[in-house]
PDB file of N, CA and C in Angstrom:
ATOM      1  N   MET A   1     -16.039 -14.327 -14.854  1.00  0.00           N
ATOM      2  CA  MET A   1     -15.758 -12.918 -14.530  1.00  0.00           C
ATOM      3  C   MET A   1     -16.400 -12.062 -15.440  1.00  0.00           C
ATOM      4  N   MET A   2     -17.220 -10.990 -14.806  1.00  0.00           N
ATOM      5  CA  MET A   2     -17.790 -10.120 -15.784  1.00  0.00           C
ATOM      6  C   MET A   2     -17.105  -8.925 -16.097  1.00  0.00           C
ATOM      7  N   THR A   3     -16.865  -8.464 -17.521  1.00  0.00           N
ATOM      8  CA  THR A   3     -15.870  -7.408 -17.930  1.00  0.00           C
ATOM      9  C   THR A   3     -16.887  -5.914 -17.689  1.00  0.00           C
ATOM     10  N   ALA A   4     -16.175  -5.180 -17.052  1.00  0.00           N
ATOM     11  CA  ALA A   4     -16.609  -3.932 -16.953  1.00  0.00           C
ATOM     12  C   ALA A   4     -16.663  -3.138 -18.328  1.00  0.00           C
ATOM     13  N   THR A   5     -17.869  -2.574 -18.739  1.00  0.00           N
ATOM     14  CA  THR A   5     -17.927  -1.992 -20.020  1.00  0.00           C
ATOM     15  C   THR A   5     -18.333  -0.718 -19.902  1.00  0.00           C
ATOM     16  N   HIS A   6     -18.706  -0.024 -18.904  1.00  0.00           N
ATOM     17  CA  HIS A   6     -19.077   1.309 -18.585  1.00  0.00           C
ATOM     18  C   HIS A   6     -17.796   1.981 -18.199  1.00  0.00           C
ATOM     19  N   PRO A   7     -17.284   3.348 -18.328  1.00  0.00           N
ATOM     20  CA  PRO A   7     -16.204   4.014 -17.876  1.00  0.00           C
ATOM     21  C   PRO A   7     -16.154   4.048 -16.438  1.00  0.00           C
ATOM     22  N   ALA A   8     -17.177   4.100 -15.746  1.00  0.00           N
ATOM     23  CA  ALA A   8     -17.380   4.194 -14.251  1.00  0.00           C
ATOM     24  C   ALA A   8     -17.026   2.981 -13.572  1.00  0.00           C
ATOM     25  N   GLU A   9     -17.651   1.834 -14.267  1.00  0.00           N
ATOM     26  CA  GLU A   9     -17.261   0.402 -13.736  1.00  0.00           C
ATOM     27  C   GLU A   9     -15.766   0.097 -14.087  1.00  0.00           C
ATOM     28  N   ARG A  10     -15.194   0.495 -15.199  1.00  0.00           N
ATOM     29  CA  ARG A  10     -13.659   0.384 -15.206  1.00  0.00           C
ATOM     30  C   ARG A  10     -12.937   1.215 -14.259  1.00  0.00           C
ATOM     31  N   PHE A  11     -13.186   2.245 -14.133  1.00  0.00           N
ATOM     32  CA  PHE A  11     -12.603   3.195 -13.218  1.00  0.00           C
ATOM     33  C   PHE A  11     -12.754   2.564 -11.766  1.00  0.00           C
ATOM     34  N   ALA A  12     -13.872   2.000 -11.321  1.00  0.00           N
ATOM     35  CA  ALA A  12     -14.046   1.511 -10.135  1.00  0.00           C
ATOM     36  C   ALA A  12     -13.043   0.262  -9.926  1.00  0.00           C
ATOM     37  N   SER A  13     -13.194  -0.544 -11.010  1.00  0.00           N
ATOM     38  CA  SER A  13     -12.190  -1.800 -11.273  1.00  0.00           C
ATOM     39  C   SER A  13     -10.828  -1.390 -11.151  1.00  0.00           C
ATOM     40  N   TRP A  14     -10.506  -0.429 -11.799  1.00  0.00           N
ATOM     41  CA  TRP A  14      -8.935  -0.015 -11.795  1.00  0.00           C
ATOM     42  C   TRP A  14      -8.677   0.500 -10.396  1.00  0.00           C
ATOM     43  N   LEU A  15      -9.358   1.036  -9.602  1.00  0.00           N
ATOM     44  CA  LEU A  15      -9.329   1.787  -8.214  1.00  0.00           C
ATOM     45  C   LEU A  15      -9.203   0.552  -7.138  1.00  0.00           C
ATOM     46  N   GLU A  16     -10.018  -0.169  -7.349  1.00  0.00           N
ATOM     47  CA  GLU A  16     -10.024  -1.447  -6.543  1.00  0.00           C
ATOM     48  C   GLU A  16      -8.739  -2.159  -6.569  1.00  0.00           C
ATOM     49  N   SER A  17      -8.278  -2.215  -7.860  1.00  0.00           N
ATOM     50  CA  SER A  17      -7.039  -2.851  -8.214  1.00  0.00           C
ATOM     51  C   SER A  17      -5.877  -2.118  -7.417  1.00  0.00           C
ATOM     52  N   GLU A  18      -5.767  -0.756  -7.641  1.00  0.00           N
ATOM     53  CA  GLU A  18      -4.711  -0.035  -7.116  1.00  0.00           C
ATOM     54  C   GLU A  18      -4.792  -0.082  -5.514  1.00  0.00           C
ATOM     55  N   TYR A  19      -5.761  -0.255  -5.090  1.00  0.00           N
ATOM     56  CA  TYR A  19      -6.149  -0.089  -3.517  1.00  0.00           C
ATOM     57  C   TYR A  19      -5.603  -1.439  -2.895  1.00  0.00           C
ATOM     58  N   CYS A  20      -5.979  -2.443  -3.534  1.00  0.00           N
ATOM     59  CA  CYS A  20      -5.160  -3.800  -3.176  1.00  0.00           C
ATOM     60  C   CYS A  20      -3.754  -3.982  -3.233  1.00  0.00           C
ATOM     61  N   ALA A  21      -3.295  -3.308  -4.575  1.00  0.00           N
ATOM     62  CA  ALA A  21      -1.890  -3.402  -4.743  1.00  0.00           C
ATOM     63  C   ALA A  21      -1.177  -2.292  -3.472  1.00  0.00           C
ATOM     64  N   SER A  22      -1.661  -1.380  -3.302  1.00  0.00           N
ATOM     65  CA  SER A  22      -1.125  -0.368  -2.177  1.00  0.00           C
ATOM     66  C   SER A  22      -1.377  -1.086  -0.652  1.00  0.00           C
ATOM     67  N   VAL A  23      -2.341  -1.781  -0.604  1.00  0.00           N
ATOM     68  CA  VAL A  23      -2.309  -2.558   0.832  1.00  0.00           C
ATOM     69  C   VAL A  23      -1.343  -3.822   0.961  1.00  0.00           C
ATOM     70  N   ALA A  24      -1.203  -4.400  -0.129  1.00  0.00           N
ATOM     71  CA  ALA A  24      -0.257  -5.333  -0.339  1.00  0.00           C
ATOM     72  C   ALA A  24       1.379  -4.660  -0.135  1.00  0.00           C
ATOM     73  N   ALA A  25       1.661  -3.445  -0.788  1.00  0.00           N
ATOM     74  CA  ALA A  25       2.836  -2.809  -0.708  1.00  0.00           C
ATOM     75  C   ALA A  25       2.955  -2.362   0.717  1.00  0.00           C
ATOM     76  N   THR A  26       1.956  -1.947   1.432  1.00  0.00           N
ATOM     77  CA  THR A  26       1.737  -1.415   2.904  1.00  0.00           C
ATOM     78  C   THR A  26       2.496  -2.537   3.690  1.00  0.00           C
ATOM     79  N   MET A  27       1.787  -3.733   3.609  1.00  0.00           N
ATOM     80  CA  MET A  27       2.187  -4.867   4.365  1.00  0.00           C
ATOM     81  C   MET A  27       3.628  -5.489   3.998  1.00  0.00           C
ATOM     82  N   LEU A  28       3.996  -5.432   2.942  1.00  0.00           N
ATOM     83  CA  LEU A  28       5.386  -5.954   2.489  1.00  0.00           C
ATOM     84  C   LEU A  28       6.504  -4.744   3.169  1.00  0.00           C
ATOM     85  N   ALA A  29       6.252  -3.428   3.309  1.00  0.00           N
ATOM     86  CA  ALA A  29       7.046  -2.698   3.938  1.00  0.00           C
ATOM     87  C   ALA A  29       6.833  -2.791   5.376  1.00  0.00           C
ATOM     88  N   ARG A  30       5.977  -2.752   5.908  1.00  0.00           N
ATOM     89  CA  ARG A  30       5.654  -3.038   7.226  1.00  0.00           C
ATOM     90  C   ARG A  30       6.417  -4.028   7.706  1.00  0.00           C
ATOM     91  N   THR A  31       6.422  -5.558   6.828  1.00  0.00           N
ATOM     92  CA  THR A  31       7.119  -6.572   7.142  1.00  0.00           C
ATOM     93  C   THR A  31       8.578  -6.277   7.051  1.00  0.00           C
ATOM     94  N   GLU A  32       9.286  -5.595   6.326  1.00  0.00           N
ATOM     95  CA  GLU A  32      10.423  -5.362   6.105  1.00  0.00           C
ATOM     96  C   GLU A  32      11.079  -4.513   7.244  1.00  0.00           C
ATOM     97  N   TYR A  33      10.286  -3.683   7.636  1.00  0.00           N
ATOM     98  CA  TYR A  33      10.526  -2.688   8.892  1.00  0.00           C
ATOM     99  C   TYR A  33      10.767  -3.454  10.080  1.00  0.00           C
ATOM    100  N   PHE A  34       9.914  -4.043  10.387  1.00  0.00           N
ATOM    101  CA  PHE A  34       9.849  -5.140  11.599  1.00  0.00           C
ATOM    102  C   PHE A  34      10.915  -6.167  11.242  1.00  0.00           C
ATOM    103  N   GLU A  35      11.316  -6.803  10.166  1.00  0.00           N
ATOM    104  CA  GLU A  35      12.437  -7.660  10.160  1.00  0.00           C
ATOM    105  C   GLU A  35      13.852  -6.914  10.248  1.00  0.00           C
ATOM    106  N   LEU A  36      13.925  -5.822   9.594  1.00  0.00           N
ATOM    107  CA  LEU A  36      15.173  -4.659  10.076  1.00  0.00           C
ATOM    108  C   LEU A  36      15.229  -4.526  11.482  1.00  0.00           C
ATOM    109  N   LEU A  37      14.107  -4.297  12.068  1.00  0.00           N
ATOM    110  CA  LEU A  37      14.409  -3.882  13.553  1.00  0.00           C
ATOM    111  C   LEU A  37      14.735  -4.888  14.567  1.00  0.00           C
ATOM    112  N   GLU A  38      14.584  -6.106  14.282  1.00  0.00           N
ATOM    113  CA  GLU A  38      14.969  -7.285  14.798  1.00  0.00           C
ATOM    114  C   GLU A  38      16.503  -7.499  14.670  1.00  0.00           C
ATOM    115  N   ASP A  39      16.956  -6.870  13.516  1.00  0.00           N
ATOM    116  CA  ASP A  39      18.386  -7.119  13.397  1.00  0.00           C
ATOM    117  C   ASP A  39      19.141  -5.978  13.959  1.00  0.00           C
ATOM    118  N   ALA A  40      19.899  -6.542  15.004  1.00  0.00           N
ATOM    119  CA  ALA A  40      20.616  -5.459  15.702  1.00  0.00           C
ATOM    120  C   ALA A  40      21.861  -4.836  15.295  1.00  0.00           C
ATOM    121  N   MET A  41      22.318  -5.223  14.136  1.00  0.00           N
ATOM    122  CA  MET A  41      23.216  -4.699  13.306  1.00  0.00           C
ATOM    123  C   MET A  41      22.729  -3.484  12.287  1.00  0.00           C
ATOM    124  N   MET A  42      21.462  -3.549  12.166  1.00  0.00           N
ATOM    125  CA  MET A  42      21.021  -2.557  11.113  1.00  0.00           C
ATOM    126  C   MET A  42      21.197  -1.252  11.826  1.00  0.00           C
ATOM    127  N   SER A  43      21.662  -0.407  10.577  1.00  0.00           N
ATOM    128  CA  SER A  43      21.918   0.970  10.991  1.00  0.00           C
ATOM    129  C   SER A  43      20.577   1.886  11.132  1.00  0.00           C
ATOM    130  N   PRO A  44      20.710   2.877  11.883  1.00  0.00           N
ATOM    131  CA  PRO A  44      19.530   3.711  12.189  1.00  0.00           C
ATOM    132  C   PRO A  44      18.925   4.363  10.911  1.00  0.00           C
ATOM    133  N   ALA A  45      19.823   4.639  10.146  1.00  0.00           N
ATOM    134  CA  ALA A  45      19.672   5.165   8.662  1.00  0.00           C
ATOM    135  C   ALA A  45      18.564   4.383   7.936  1.00  0.00           C
ATOM    136  N   ARG A  46      19.122   3.067   7.836  1.00  0.00           N
ATOM    137  CA  ARG A  46      18.381   2.152   7.099  1.00  0.00           C
ATOM    138  C   ARG A  46      16.847   1.803   7.701  1.00  0.00           C
ATOM    139  N   LEU A  47      16.709   1.579   8.931  1.00  0.00           N
ATOM    140  CA  LEU A  47      15.621   1.731   9.782  1.00  0.00           C
ATOM    141  C   LEU A  47      14.668   2.811   9.571  1.00  0.00           C
ATOM    142  N   THR A  48      15.228   3.928   9.391  1.00  0.00           N
ATOM    143  CA  THR A  48      14.208   5.282   9.248  1.00  0.00           C
ATOM    144  C   THR A  48      13.798   5.125   7.892  1.00  0.00           C
ATOM    145  N   GLN A  49      14.720   4.636   6.932  1.00  0.00           N
ATOM    146  CA  GLN A  49      14.296   4.584   5.316  1.00  0.00           C
ATOM    147  C   GLN A  49      13.024   3.479   5.261  1.00  0.00           C
ATOM    148  N   ALA A  50      13.200   2.369   5.943  1.00  0.00           N
ATOM    149  CA  ALA A  50      12.312   1.333   6.008  1.00  0.00           C
ATOM    150  C   ALA A  50      10.804   1.821   6.674  1.00  0.00           C
ATOM    151  N   LEU A  51      10.968   2.522   7.803  1.00  0.00           N
ATOM    152  CA  LEU A  51       9.654   3.181   8.461  1.00  0.00           C
ATOM    153  C   LEU A  51       9.091   4.179   7.361  1.00  0.00           C
ATOM    154  N   ASN A  52       9.823   4.847   6.837  1.00  0.00           N
ATOM    155  CA  ASN A  52       8.994   6.070   6.137  1.00  0.00           C
ATOM    156  C   ASN A  52       8.638   5.471   4.791  1.00  0.00           C
ATOM    157  N   ALA A  53       9.001   4.307   4.194  1.00  0.00           N
ATOM    158  CA  ALA A  53       8.559   3.731   3.277  1.00  0.00           C
ATOM    159  C   ALA A  53       7.259   3.031   3.762  1.00  0.00           C
ATOM    160  N   TRP A  54       7.381   2.452   5.064  1.00  0.00           N
ATOM    161  CA  TRP A  54       5.881   1.930   5.300  1.00  0.00           C
ATOM    162  C   TRP A  54       4.998   3.099   5.549  1.00  0.00           C
ATOM    163  N   ARG A  55       5.199   4.191   6.073  1.00  0.00           N
ATOM    164  CA  ARG A  55       4.299   5.372   6.344  1.00  0.00           C
ATOM    165  C   ARG A  55       3.923   5.612   4.926  1.00  0.00           C
ATOM    166  N   GLU A  56       4.657   5.901   3.816  1.00  0.00           N
ATOM    167  CA  GLU A  56       4.260   6.351   2.718  1.00  0.00           C
ATOM    168  C   GLU A  56       3.233   5.458   1.993  1.00  0.00           C
ATOM    169  N   HIS A  57       3.543   4.119   1.961  1.00  0.00           N
ATOM    170  CA  HIS A  57       2.567   3.206   1.575  1.00  0.00           C
ATOM    171  C   HIS A  57       1.268   3.058   2.008  1.00  0.00           C
ATOM    172  N   ALA A  58       1.372   3.166   3.629  1.00  0.00           N
ATOM    173  CA  ALA A  58       0.054   3.325   4.314  1.00  0.00           C
ATOM    174  C   ALA A  58      -0.716   4.486   4.070  1.00  0.00           C
ATOM    175  N   SER A  59      -0.233   5.571   3.828  1.00  0.00           N
ATOM    176  CA  SER A  59      -0.849   6.803   3.706  1.00  0.00           C
ATOM    177  C   SER A  59      -1.675   6.714   2.244  1.00  0.00           C
ATOM    178  N   GLN A  60      -0.885   6.159   1.175  1.00  0.00           N
ATOM    179  CA  GLN A  60      -1.501   5.944  -0.048  1.00  0.00           C
ATOM    180  C   GLN A  60      -2.646   4.996  -0.081  1.00  0.00           C
ATOM    181  N   ALA A  61      -2.334   3.815   0.949  1.00  0.00           N
ATOM    182  CA  ALA A  61      -3.565   2.849   0.781  1.00  0.00           C
ATOM    183  C   ALA A  61      -4.802   3.647   1.568  1.00  0.00           C
ATOM    184  N   HIS A  62      -4.355   4.233   2.394  1.00  0.00           N
ATOM    185  CA  HIS A  62      -5.717   5.273   3.240  1.00  0.00           C
ATOM    186  C   HIS A  62      -6.593   5.970   2.262  1.00  0.00           C
ATOM    187  N   VAL A  63      -5.700   6.662   1.450  1.00  0.00           N
ATOM    188  CA  VAL A  63      -6.332   7.709   0.480  1.00  0.00           C
ATOM    189  C   VAL A  63      -7.209   6.732  -0.562  1.00  0.00           C
ATOM    190  N   LEU A  64      -6.574   5.757  -1.275  1.00  0.00           N
ATOM    191  CA  LEU A  64      -7.411   4.854  -2.200  1.00  0.00           C
ATOM    192  C   LEU A  64      -8.435   4.072  -1.535  1.00  0.00           C
ATOM    193  N   GLY A  65      -8.139   3.799  -0.157  1.00  0.00           N
ATOM    194  CA  GLY A  65      -9.339   3.070   0.488  1.00  0.00           C
ATOM    195  C   GLY A  65     -10.634   4.229   0.614  1.00  0.00           C
ATOM    196  N   GLY A  66     -10.454   5.359   0.774  1.00  0.00           N
ATOM    197  CA  GLY A  66     -11.290   6.279   0.891  1.00  0.00           C
ATOM    198  C   GLY A  66     -11.956   6.446  -0.354  1.00  0.00           C
ATOM    199  N   LEU A  67     -11.160   6.395  -1.391  1.00  0.00           N
ATOM    200  CA  LEU A  67     -11.835   6.605  -2.974  1.00  0.00           C
ATOM    201  C   LEU A  67     -12.687   5.258  -3.083  1.00  0.00           C
ATOM    202  N   VAL A  68     -12.274   4.049  -2.638  1.00  0.00           N
ATOM    203  CA  VAL A  68     -12.867   2.851  -3.318  1.00  0.00           C
ATOM    204  C   VAL A  68     -14.358   2.999  -2.732  1.00  0.00           C
ATOM    205  N   GLY A  69     -14.364   3.325  -1.504  1.00  0.00           N
ATOM    206  CA  GLY A  69     -15.711   3.523  -0.720  1.00  0.00           C
ATOM    207  C   GLY A  69     -16.691   4.489  -1.355  1.00  0.00           C
ATOM    208  N   THR A  70     -16.237   5.495  -2.289  1.00  0.00           N
ATOM    209  CA  THR A  70     -17.054   6.379  -2.916  1.00  0.00           C
ATOM    210  C   THR A  70     -17.270   6.092  -4.371  1.00  0.00           C
ATOM    211  N   ALA A  71     -16.306   5.217  -4.886  1.00  0.00           N
ATOM    212  CA  ALA A  71     -16.424   4.902  -6.390  1.00  0.00           C
ATOM    213  C   ALA A  71     -17.958   3.914  -6.503  1.00  0.00           C
TER     214      ALA A  71
END
């Protein structure tokens, strides 16, 4: 593996790592939401919390994805 030596390369590498982590968090939040949705005993408040977490992670991933394309 090649080590990034220039600040721009380090930033791009960091940004790509953050984007990957954000996408992973989005997928985990999505999975949690749908698992909770399948549970008929889950409170609407808990479902709303899970849906909001999913949306927040997806929004962050979208923003970071746009930055990755320009880095």
